[in-house]
């Protein structure tokens, strides 16, 4: 959609959708001022997120966004300072295919309308430790108890993180309990 902006006693302004130049021919008013293309995309890039990490292989990724109609946000993650970016989806763990210690994210905001834009309220990246079901940075007896409570349906109301489940099958099962027992005993 191309936009013509008009205000009293001010030159008309034409914004072209994604830079399509043909629309400029349809505007014949002598006061029209071509301000260039209306870009339906914007980008936000983080600085280094984790300065203490040695090698970042696996991260958890959450984002809080508002999406008006006909908009979307593409998130990208990098573990090498932005030398290489990988498309990632919020709510899912992400495993990097490369080694690196400079974690960054970027968001590309897309809209089909110049009147609407998506909004990114918060981005959260966190270290994922397989088997750390209560997300306290340790795999210990608490994780085993939480896993067993969930498996038996006698949970204490505390939530476990599916991002930290071991076999990436979207459920907490005996496989997670066995993995945690092996980790606690030092057999893994």
N, C-alpha and C. Protein backbone atom coordinates (compact mmCIF):
# COMPACT_ATOMS: atom_id res chain seq x y z
N UNK A 1 0.85 -1.16 0.00
CA UNK A 1 0.00 0.00 0.00
C UNK A 1 0.90 1.23 0.00
N UNK A 2 0.66 2.16 -0.91
CA UNK A 2 1.38 3.42 -0.95
C UNK A 2 0.59 4.45 -0.16
N UNK A 3 1.29 5.40 0.42
CA UNK A 3 0.65 6.41 1.26
C UNK A 3 0.95 7.80 0.72
N UNK A 4 -0.06 8.61 0.63
CA UNK A 4 0.11 10.03 0.32
C UNK A 4 -0.33 10.79 1.57
N UNK A 5 0.58 11.58 2.12
CA UNK A 5 0.26 12.36 3.32
C UNK A 5 0.03 13.81 2.90
N UNK A 6 -1.07 14.37 3.37
CA UNK A 6 -1.40 15.75 3.01
C UNK A 6 -1.83 16.52 4.25
N UNK A 7 -1.24 17.67 4.43
CA UNK A 7 -1.61 18.58 5.51
C UNK A 7 -1.81 19.97 4.91
N UNK A 8 -2.64 20.76 5.54
CA UNK A 8 -2.95 22.10 5.06
C UNK A 8 -1.68 22.96 5.00
N UNK A 9 -1.43 23.59 3.87
CA UNK A 9 -0.29 24.49 3.62
C UNK A 9 1.07 23.80 3.68
N UNK A 10 1.08 22.49 3.52
CA UNK A 10 2.33 21.74 3.51
C UNK A 10 2.35 20.89 2.25
N UNK A 11 3.53 20.72 1.66
CA UNK A 11 3.64 19.92 0.44
C UNK A 11 3.19 18.48 0.70
N UNK A 12 2.49 17.90 -0.30
CA UNK A 12 2.10 16.50 -0.19
C UNK A 12 3.35 15.64 -0.12
N UNK A 13 3.25 14.51 0.57
CA UNK A 13 4.37 13.58 0.65
C UNK A 13 3.89 12.21 0.20
N UNK A 14 4.70 11.55 -0.61
CA UNK A 14 4.37 10.23 -1.13
C UNK A 14 5.35 9.22 -0.54
N UNK A 15 4.81 8.18 0.07
CA UNK A 15 5.62 7.10 0.60
C UNK A 15 5.30 5.85 -0.21
N UNK A 16 6.31 5.28 -0.83
CA UNK A 16 6.11 4.11 -1.68
C UNK A 16 6.33 2.84 -0.87
N UNK A 17 5.42 1.89 -1.02
CA UNK A 17 5.52 0.63 -0.30
C UNK A 17 6.67 -0.19 -0.86
N UNK A 18 7.65 -0.46 -0.02
CA UNK A 18 8.82 -1.25 -0.39
C UNK A 18 9.54 -0.69 -1.62
N UNK A 19 9.43 0.60 -1.87
CA UNK A 19 10.19 1.24 -2.93
C UNK A 19 9.70 0.99 -4.33
N UNK A 20 8.45 0.61 -4.53
CA UNK A 20 7.91 0.40 -5.87
C UNK A 20 7.76 1.76 -6.54
N UNK A 21 8.54 2.09 -7.58
CA UNK A 21 8.55 3.44 -8.14
C UNK A 21 7.35 3.78 -9.03
N UNK A 22 6.60 2.78 -9.50
CA UNK A 22 5.51 3.07 -10.43
C UNK A 22 4.44 3.97 -9.84
N UNK A 23 4.24 3.93 -8.53
CA UNK A 23 3.19 4.72 -7.90
C UNK A 23 3.46 6.22 -8.02
N UNK A 24 4.70 6.61 -8.21
CA UNK A 24 5.04 8.04 -8.31
C UNK A 24 4.39 8.67 -9.54
N UNK A 25 4.13 7.89 -10.58
CA UNK A 25 3.54 8.42 -11.81
C UNK A 25 2.08 8.80 -11.63
N UNK A 26 1.41 8.20 -10.66
CA UNK A 26 -0.02 8.47 -10.49
C UNK A 26 -0.29 9.75 -9.71
N UNK A 27 0.70 10.34 -9.12
CA UNK A 27 0.53 11.57 -8.35
C UNK A 27 0.98 12.73 -9.22
N UNK A 28 0.07 13.61 -9.55
CA UNK A 28 0.41 14.69 -10.47
C UNK A 28 0.35 16.07 -9.83
N UNK A 29 0.04 16.15 -8.56
CA UNK A 29 -0.04 17.45 -7.90
C UNK A 29 1.35 18.09 -7.90
N UNK A 30 1.45 19.34 -8.25
CA UNK A 30 2.75 20.00 -8.41
C UNK A 30 3.51 20.12 -7.10
N UNK A 31 2.82 20.13 -5.97
CA UNK A 31 3.51 20.28 -4.69
C UNK A 31 3.97 18.97 -4.08
N UNK A 32 3.87 17.86 -4.81
CA UNK A 32 4.24 16.57 -4.25
C UNK A 32 5.73 16.50 -4.03
N UNK A 33 6.10 16.05 -2.86
CA UNK A 33 7.51 15.90 -2.50
C UNK A 33 7.76 14.41 -2.27
N UNK A 34 8.62 13.82 -3.05
CA UNK A 34 8.90 12.40 -2.93
C UNK A 34 9.91 12.21 -1.80
N UNK A 35 9.47 11.58 -0.72
CA UNK A 35 10.34 11.38 0.44
C UNK A 35 11.06 10.04 0.41
N UNK A 36 10.93 9.30 -0.63
CA UNK A 36 11.59 8.01 -0.70
C UNK A 36 10.65 6.89 -0.30
N UNK A 37 11.15 5.68 -0.34
CA UNK A 37 10.28 4.54 -0.08
C UNK A 37 9.87 4.44 1.38
N UNK A 38 8.63 4.01 1.59
CA UNK A 38 8.20 3.65 2.94
C UNK A 38 8.68 2.23 3.16
N UNK A 39 9.52 2.04 4.13
CA UNK A 39 10.07 0.72 4.38
C UNK A 39 9.18 -0.02 5.37
N UNK A 40 8.78 -1.20 4.99
CA UNK A 40 7.89 -2.00 5.83
C UNK A 40 8.69 -2.93 6.73
N UNK A 41 9.93 -2.58 6.98
CA UNK A 41 10.77 -3.43 7.80
C UNK A 41 11.66 -2.56 8.66
N UNK A 42 11.89 -3.00 9.87
CA UNK A 42 12.80 -2.32 10.78
C UNK A 42 13.57 -3.39 11.53
N UNK A 43 14.66 -2.99 12.17
CA UNK A 43 15.52 -3.97 12.82
C UNK A 43 16.06 -3.41 14.13
N UNK A 44 16.13 -4.26 15.13
CA UNK A 44 16.77 -3.93 16.39
C UNK A 44 17.81 -4.98 16.69
N UNK A 45 19.00 -4.56 17.11
CA UNK A 45 20.09 -5.49 17.37
C UNK A 45 20.64 -5.24 18.76
N UNK A 46 20.89 -6.30 19.50
CA UNK A 46 21.43 -6.17 20.85
C UNK A 46 22.93 -5.98 20.83
N UNK A 47 23.44 -5.53 21.95
CA UNK A 47 24.88 -5.58 22.21
C UNK A 47 25.18 -6.97 22.74
N UNK A 48 26.42 -7.23 23.15
CA UNK A 48 26.77 -8.53 23.70
C UNK A 48 25.90 -8.82 24.92
N UNK A 49 25.31 -10.00 24.96
CA UNK A 49 24.37 -10.36 26.02
C UNK A 49 25.08 -11.02 27.19
N UNK A 50 26.00 -11.93 26.93
CA UNK A 50 26.65 -12.70 27.99
C UNK A 50 28.16 -12.59 27.84
N UNK A 51 28.76 -11.67 28.60
CA UNK A 51 30.20 -11.44 28.49
C UNK A 51 31.01 -12.49 29.24
N UNK A 52 30.38 -13.28 30.12
CA UNK A 52 31.11 -14.24 30.95
C UNK A 52 31.20 -15.64 30.34
N UNK A 53 30.42 -15.92 29.34
CA UNK A 53 30.35 -17.28 28.79
C UNK A 53 31.63 -17.64 28.04
N UNK A 54 31.96 -18.93 28.09
CA UNK A 54 33.11 -19.42 27.34
C UNK A 54 32.68 -19.86 25.95
N UNK A 55 31.90 -20.90 25.86
CA UNK A 55 31.38 -21.35 24.57
C UNK A 55 29.88 -21.55 24.73
N UNK A 56 29.11 -20.87 23.92
CA UNK A 56 27.66 -20.93 24.02
C UNK A 56 27.15 -21.86 22.93
N UNK A 57 26.62 -23.01 23.36
CA UNK A 57 26.11 -23.99 22.41
C UNK A 57 24.59 -24.04 22.39
N UNK A 58 23.96 -23.84 23.56
CA UNK A 58 22.52 -24.02 23.72
C UNK A 58 21.96 -22.90 24.58
N UNK A 59 20.91 -22.24 24.10
CA UNK A 59 20.27 -21.17 24.88
C UNK A 59 18.76 -21.35 24.85
N UNK A 60 18.14 -20.87 25.93
CA UNK A 60 16.70 -20.75 25.96
C UNK A 60 16.34 -19.37 25.47
N UNK A 61 15.20 -19.23 24.83
CA UNK A 61 14.86 -17.97 24.19
C UNK A 61 13.37 -17.70 24.36
N UNK A 62 13.06 -16.57 24.99
CA UNK A 62 11.68 -16.13 25.17
C UNK A 62 11.57 -14.69 24.69
N UNK A 63 10.44 -14.32 24.16
CA UNK A 63 10.21 -12.94 23.73
C UNK A 63 8.75 -12.57 23.99
N UNK A 64 8.56 -11.36 24.44
CA UNK A 64 7.22 -10.82 24.63
C UNK A 64 6.99 -9.80 23.52
N UNK A 65 6.02 -10.07 22.64
CA UNK A 65 5.78 -9.21 21.49
C UNK A 65 4.29 -8.94 21.32
N UNK A 66 3.99 -7.84 20.65
CA UNK A 66 2.62 -7.51 20.26
C UNK A 66 2.58 -7.50 18.74
N UNK A 67 1.66 -8.26 18.16
CA UNK A 67 1.57 -8.38 16.71
C UNK A 67 0.20 -7.91 16.22
N UNK A 68 0.11 -6.67 15.72
CA UNK A 68 -1.13 -6.24 15.07
C UNK A 68 -1.34 -7.07 13.79
N UNK A 69 -2.51 -6.99 13.17
CA UNK A 69 -2.76 -7.75 11.94
C UNK A 69 -1.72 -7.44 10.86
N UNK A 70 -1.36 -8.46 10.11
CA UNK A 70 -0.44 -8.34 8.97
C UNK A 70 0.94 -7.85 9.36
N UNK A 71 1.39 -8.25 10.55
CA UNK A 71 2.75 -7.94 10.98
C UNK A 71 3.40 -9.23 11.48
N UNK A 72 4.72 -9.22 11.55
CA UNK A 72 5.44 -10.36 12.11
C UNK A 72 6.81 -9.88 12.59
N UNK A 73 7.43 -10.67 13.44
CA UNK A 73 8.78 -10.39 13.92
C UNK A 73 9.60 -11.65 13.69
N UNK A 74 10.74 -11.50 13.03
CA UNK A 74 11.70 -12.59 12.88
C UNK A 74 12.84 -12.34 13.85
N UNK A 75 13.15 -13.34 14.68
CA UNK A 75 14.25 -13.22 15.63
C UNK A 75 15.43 -14.03 15.12
N UNK A 76 16.61 -13.48 15.32
CA UNK A 76 17.85 -14.12 14.92
C UNK A 76 18.79 -14.14 16.12
N UNK A 77 19.56 -15.21 16.26
CA UNK A 77 20.53 -15.34 17.33
C UNK A 77 21.91 -15.57 16.74
N UNK A 78 22.93 -15.07 17.45
CA UNK A 78 24.31 -15.27 17.05
C UNK A 78 25.14 -15.56 18.29
N UNK A 79 26.05 -16.50 18.21
CA UNK A 79 26.96 -16.75 19.32
C UNK A 79 28.39 -16.33 18.98
N UNK A 80 28.55 -15.60 17.87
CA UNK A 80 29.89 -15.16 17.46
C UNK A 80 29.91 -13.67 17.12
N UNK A 81 29.17 -12.89 17.89
CA UNK A 81 29.21 -11.44 17.74
C UNK A 81 28.52 -10.90 16.51
N UNK A 82 27.69 -11.71 15.87
CA UNK A 82 26.98 -11.26 14.68
C UNK A 82 27.66 -11.63 13.38
N UNK A 83 28.74 -12.39 13.44
CA UNK A 83 29.39 -12.83 12.20
C UNK A 83 28.47 -13.77 11.43
N UNK A 84 27.65 -14.54 12.16
CA UNK A 84 26.69 -15.46 11.54
C UNK A 84 25.42 -15.44 12.37
N UNK A 85 24.28 -15.27 11.72
CA UNK A 85 22.98 -15.20 12.40
C UNK A 85 22.14 -16.42 12.04
N UNK A 86 21.34 -16.88 13.02
CA UNK A 86 20.47 -18.04 12.83
C UNK A 86 19.05 -17.68 13.25
N UNK A 87 18.10 -18.03 12.39
CA UNK A 87 16.69 -17.78 12.69
C UNK A 87 16.27 -18.65 13.87
N UNK A 88 15.60 -18.03 14.85
CA UNK A 88 15.19 -18.75 16.06
C UNK A 88 13.74 -18.40 16.39
N UNK A 89 13.05 -19.29 17.06
CA UNK A 89 11.66 -19.08 17.45
C UNK A 89 11.57 -18.95 18.97
N UNK A 90 10.88 -17.92 19.46
CA UNK A 90 10.70 -17.79 20.91
C UNK A 90 9.96 -19.01 21.48
N UNK A 91 10.28 -19.34 22.71
CA UNK A 91 9.64 -20.47 23.37
C UNK A 91 10.31 -21.80 23.09
N UNK A 92 11.39 -21.77 22.36
CA UNK A 92 12.11 -23.00 22.03
C UNK A 92 13.59 -22.83 22.36
N UNK A 93 14.19 -23.93 22.76
CA UNK A 93 15.64 -23.92 22.95
C UNK A 93 16.30 -23.84 21.58
N UNK A 94 17.48 -23.24 21.54
CA UNK A 94 18.19 -23.14 20.27
C UNK A 94 19.60 -23.66 20.44
N UNK A 95 20.00 -24.57 19.57
CA UNK A 95 21.35 -25.12 19.57
C UNK A 95 22.12 -24.50 18.41
N UNK A 96 23.24 -23.86 18.74
CA UNK A 96 24.07 -23.24 17.70
C UNK A 96 24.90 -24.29 16.98
N UNK A 97 24.98 -24.22 15.65
CA UNK A 97 25.83 -25.15 14.91
C UNK A 97 27.29 -24.71 14.89
N UNK A 98 27.58 -23.54 15.43
CA UNK A 98 28.95 -23.01 15.45
C UNK A 98 29.39 -22.79 16.89
N UNK A 99 30.68 -22.61 17.09
CA UNK A 99 31.19 -22.28 18.41
C UNK A 99 31.33 -20.77 18.52
N UNK A 100 31.19 -20.28 19.73
CA UNK A 100 31.33 -18.85 19.95
C UNK A 100 30.96 -18.48 21.37
N UNK A 101 31.40 -17.30 21.80
CA UNK A 101 31.17 -16.85 23.18
C UNK A 101 30.58 -15.45 23.24
N UNK A 102 30.17 -14.89 22.12
CA UNK A 102 29.61 -13.53 22.09
C UNK A 102 28.15 -13.62 21.65
N UNK A 103 27.26 -13.78 22.64
CA UNK A 103 25.84 -13.99 22.37
C UNK A 103 25.14 -12.67 22.07
N UNK A 104 24.37 -12.64 20.97
CA UNK A 104 23.60 -11.47 20.57
C UNK A 104 22.29 -11.92 19.94
N UNK A 105 21.32 -11.01 19.91
CA UNK A 105 20.05 -11.26 19.23
C UNK A 105 19.71 -10.06 18.36
N UNK A 106 18.89 -10.31 17.36
CA UNK A 106 18.33 -9.21 16.58
C UNK A 106 16.89 -9.56 16.23
N UNK A 107 16.10 -8.52 16.07
CA UNK A 107 14.70 -8.67 15.72
C UNK A 107 14.44 -7.88 14.46
N UNK A 108 13.84 -8.51 13.48
CA UNK A 108 13.42 -7.83 12.25
C UNK A 108 11.91 -7.71 12.30
N UNK A 109 11.42 -6.47 12.28
CA UNK A 109 9.99 -6.19 12.37
C UNK A 109 9.45 -5.96 10.97
N UNK A 110 8.41 -6.70 10.60
CA UNK A 110 7.81 -6.61 9.27
C UNK A 110 6.35 -6.19 9.38
N UNK A 111 5.90 -5.38 8.43
CA UNK A 111 4.50 -4.96 8.40
C UNK A 111 4.06 -4.75 6.96
N UNK A 112 2.83 -5.13 6.66
CA UNK A 112 2.27 -4.86 5.34
C UNK A 112 1.60 -3.50 5.29
N UNK A 113 1.56 -2.81 6.41
CA UNK A 113 0.88 -1.52 6.49
C UNK A 113 1.78 -0.48 7.14
N UNK A 114 1.82 0.73 6.59
CA UNK A 114 2.60 1.78 7.24
C UNK A 114 1.94 2.29 8.52
N UNK A 115 0.71 1.90 8.76
CA UNK A 115 0.00 2.36 9.95
C UNK A 115 0.15 1.41 11.13
N UNK A 116 0.64 0.20 10.90
CA UNK A 116 0.77 -0.79 11.96
C UNK A 116 2.20 -1.29 12.04
N UNK A 117 2.64 -1.55 13.25
CA UNK A 117 3.98 -2.10 13.43
C UNK A 117 3.98 -3.08 14.59
N UNK A 118 4.73 -4.16 14.48
CA UNK A 118 4.85 -5.06 15.62
C UNK A 118 5.69 -4.39 16.71
N UNK A 119 5.55 -4.89 17.92
CA UNK A 119 6.28 -4.29 19.04
C UNK A 119 6.96 -5.39 19.84
N UNK A 120 8.23 -5.20 20.13
CA UNK A 120 8.98 -6.14 20.97
C UNK A 120 9.11 -5.50 22.34
N UNK A 121 8.49 -6.13 23.35
CA UNK A 121 8.55 -5.59 24.70
C UNK A 121 9.74 -6.12 25.48
N UNK A 122 10.06 -7.40 25.30
CA UNK A 122 11.13 -8.00 26.09
C UNK A 122 11.70 -9.20 25.35
N UNK A 123 13.01 -9.36 25.45
CA UNK A 123 13.69 -10.54 24.92
C UNK A 123 14.51 -11.12 26.07
N UNK A 124 14.39 -12.42 26.28
CA UNK A 124 15.13 -13.07 27.35
C UNK A 124 15.88 -14.27 26.79
N UNK A 125 17.18 -14.29 27.01
CA UNK A 125 18.02 -15.42 26.64
C UNK A 125 18.59 -16.00 27.93
N UNK A 126 18.59 -17.31 28.05
CA UNK A 126 19.10 -17.92 29.27
C UNK A 126 19.77 -19.24 28.95
N UNK A 127 20.71 -19.58 29.82
CA UNK A 127 21.46 -20.81 29.67
C UNK A 127 20.56 -22.00 29.93
N UNK A 128 20.66 -23.01 29.11
CA UNK A 128 19.88 -24.23 29.29
C UNK A 128 20.82 -25.35 29.71
N UNK A 129 20.45 -25.99 30.80
CA UNK A 129 21.20 -27.15 31.28
C UNK A 129 20.25 -28.34 31.21
N UNK A 130 20.49 -29.30 30.33
CA UNK A 130 19.59 -30.45 30.24
C UNK A 130 19.41 -31.12 31.60
N UNK A 131 18.16 -31.34 31.99
CA UNK A 131 17.85 -31.95 33.27
C UNK A 131 17.58 -30.96 34.39
N UNK A 132 17.91 -29.69 34.19
CA UNK A 132 17.65 -28.66 35.21
C UNK A 132 16.20 -28.23 35.10
N UNK A 133 15.31 -29.03 35.62
CA UNK A 133 13.88 -28.83 35.43
C UNK A 133 13.32 -27.62 36.17
N UNK A 134 13.96 -27.22 37.28
CA UNK A 134 13.46 -26.07 38.03
C UNK A 134 14.24 -24.79 37.73
N UNK A 135 15.13 -24.85 36.77
CA UNK A 135 15.91 -23.71 36.27
C UNK A 135 16.61 -22.96 37.40
N UNK A 136 17.39 -23.71 38.19
CA UNK A 136 18.20 -23.06 39.23
C UNK A 136 19.70 -23.19 38.94
N UNK A 137 20.04 -23.59 37.71
CA UNK A 137 21.42 -23.74 37.22
C UNK A 137 22.14 -24.97 37.76
N UNK A 138 21.41 -25.90 38.38
CA UNK A 138 22.01 -27.13 38.88
C UNK A 138 21.10 -28.30 38.51
N UNK A 139 21.71 -29.45 38.26
CA UNK A 139 20.95 -30.69 38.12
C UNK A 139 21.15 -31.43 39.43
N UNK A 140 20.08 -31.51 40.21
CA UNK A 140 20.20 -32.07 41.56
C UNK A 140 18.93 -32.83 41.93
N UNK A 141 18.86 -33.23 43.20
CA UNK A 141 17.73 -34.02 43.69
C UNK A 141 16.39 -33.29 43.53
N UNK A 142 16.38 -31.97 43.64
CA UNK A 142 15.14 -31.20 43.45
C UNK A 142 14.58 -31.41 42.05
N UNK A 143 15.46 -31.48 41.05
CA UNK A 143 15.01 -31.72 39.67
C UNK A 143 14.41 -33.11 39.53
N UNK A 144 15.04 -34.09 40.19
CA UNK A 144 14.52 -35.46 40.15
C UNK A 144 13.15 -35.52 40.82
N UNK A 145 13.00 -34.91 41.99
CA UNK A 145 11.71 -34.92 42.69
C UNK A 145 10.63 -34.23 41.86
N UNK A 146 10.96 -33.11 41.27
CA UNK A 146 9.99 -32.39 40.44
C UNK A 146 9.57 -33.24 39.24
N UNK A 147 10.54 -33.91 38.62
CA UNK A 147 10.24 -34.77 37.48
C UNK A 147 9.32 -35.92 37.89
N UNK A 148 9.62 -36.56 39.03
CA UNK A 148 8.79 -37.67 39.49
C UNK A 148 7.39 -37.20 39.87
N UNK A 149 7.28 -36.02 40.48
CA UNK A 149 5.96 -35.48 40.82
C UNK A 149 5.13 -35.24 39.56
N UNK A 150 5.75 -34.72 38.53
CA UNK A 150 5.03 -34.46 37.28
C UNK A 150 4.60 -35.77 36.63
N UNK A 151 5.51 -36.76 36.64
CA UNK A 151 5.20 -38.05 36.03
C UNK A 151 4.03 -38.75 36.74
N UNK A 152 3.94 -38.60 38.05
CA UNK A 152 2.89 -39.29 38.81
C UNK A 152 1.63 -38.45 38.96
N UNK A 153 1.67 -37.21 38.48
CA UNK A 153 0.51 -36.34 38.59
C UNK A 153 0.32 -35.75 39.97
N UNK A 154 1.34 -35.83 40.81
CA UNK A 154 1.26 -35.32 42.17
C UNK A 154 2.16 -34.10 42.33
N UNK A 155 2.16 -33.25 41.32
CA UNK A 155 3.00 -32.06 41.33
C UNK A 155 2.64 -31.11 42.45
N UNK A 156 3.61 -30.34 42.87
CA UNK A 156 3.43 -29.40 43.97
C UNK A 156 2.92 -28.05 43.47
N UNK A 157 2.58 -27.96 42.21
CA UNK A 157 2.14 -26.68 41.65
C UNK A 157 3.28 -25.92 41.00
N UNK A 158 4.51 -26.36 41.26
CA UNK A 158 5.66 -25.72 40.61
C UNK A 158 5.74 -26.21 39.17
N UNK A 159 6.15 -25.33 38.31
CA UNK A 159 6.27 -25.69 36.90
C UNK A 159 7.69 -26.13 36.59
N UNK A 160 7.78 -27.04 35.68
CA UNK A 160 9.07 -27.48 35.18
C UNK A 160 9.26 -26.91 33.80
N UNK A 161 10.51 -26.70 33.44
CA UNK A 161 10.81 -26.13 32.13
C UNK A 161 10.91 -27.23 31.08
N UNK A 162 10.02 -27.18 30.10
CA UNK A 162 10.11 -28.14 29.00
C UNK A 162 11.33 -27.86 28.13
N UNK A 163 11.86 -26.63 28.19
CA UNK A 163 13.05 -26.35 27.40
C UNK A 163 14.25 -27.14 27.92
N UNK A 164 14.23 -27.50 29.19
CA UNK A 164 15.35 -28.22 29.78
C UNK A 164 15.13 -29.73 29.79
N UNK A 165 14.00 -30.18 29.23
CA UNK A 165 13.80 -31.62 29.16
C UNK A 165 14.84 -32.20 28.21
N UNK A 166 15.25 -33.40 28.49
CA UNK A 166 16.47 -33.95 27.91
C UNK A 166 16.34 -34.39 26.46
N UNK A 167 15.25 -35.03 26.09
CA UNK A 167 15.17 -35.68 24.79
C UNK A 167 14.39 -34.90 23.74
N UNK A 168 14.05 -33.66 24.04
CA UNK A 168 13.41 -32.75 23.08
C UNK A 168 12.17 -33.38 22.43
N UNK A 169 11.40 -34.10 23.25
CA UNK A 169 10.17 -34.70 22.73
C UNK A 169 8.92 -34.00 23.25
N UNK A 170 9.12 -32.88 23.97
CA UNK A 170 7.99 -32.08 24.43
C UNK A 170 7.26 -32.63 25.65
N UNK A 171 7.86 -33.62 26.33
CA UNK A 171 7.22 -34.16 27.52
C UNK A 171 8.27 -34.54 28.56
N UNK A 172 7.81 -34.60 29.79
CA UNK A 172 8.68 -35.01 30.89
C UNK A 172 8.31 -36.44 31.23
N UNK A 173 9.31 -37.34 31.14
CA UNK A 173 9.03 -38.77 31.28
C UNK A 173 10.13 -39.44 32.09
N UNK A 174 10.07 -40.77 32.13
CA UNK A 174 11.07 -41.56 32.85
C UNK A 174 12.46 -41.35 32.26
N UNK A 175 12.55 -41.02 30.99
CA UNK A 175 13.86 -40.76 30.38
C UNK A 175 14.55 -39.58 31.06
N UNK A 176 13.78 -38.53 31.36
CA UNK A 176 14.35 -37.38 32.06
C UNK A 176 14.78 -37.77 33.47
N UNK A 177 13.94 -38.56 34.15
CA UNK A 177 14.27 -39.00 35.51
C UNK A 177 15.56 -39.82 35.51
N UNK A 178 15.69 -40.74 34.56
CA UNK A 178 16.90 -41.56 34.46
C UNK A 178 18.13 -40.69 34.17
N UNK A 179 18.01 -39.75 33.25
CA UNK A 179 19.11 -38.85 32.93
C UNK A 179 19.54 -38.07 34.17
N UNK A 180 18.57 -37.54 34.92
CA UNK A 180 18.88 -36.75 36.11
C UNK A 180 19.56 -37.62 37.17
N UNK A 181 19.08 -38.87 37.36
CA UNK A 181 19.72 -39.77 38.33
C UNK A 181 21.16 -40.06 37.93
N UNK A 182 21.40 -40.27 36.63
CA UNK A 182 22.76 -40.51 36.17
C UNK A 182 23.64 -39.28 36.39
N UNK A 183 23.09 -38.11 36.14
CA UNK A 183 23.84 -36.86 36.32
C UNK A 183 24.19 -36.66 37.80
N UNK A 184 23.22 -36.90 38.68
CA UNK A 184 23.45 -36.73 40.12
C UNK A 184 24.52 -37.72 40.61
N UNK A 185 24.46 -38.96 40.12
CA UNK A 185 25.40 -39.98 40.58
C UNK A 185 26.77 -39.87 39.91
N UNK A 186 26.87 -39.03 38.89
CA UNK A 186 28.16 -38.85 38.21
C UNK A 186 28.40 -39.84 37.10
N UNK A 187 27.38 -40.57 36.67
CA UNK A 187 27.53 -41.58 35.62
C UNK A 187 27.36 -41.03 34.21
N UNK A 188 27.13 -39.73 34.06
CA UNK A 188 26.91 -39.23 32.69
C UNK A 188 28.08 -38.43 32.20
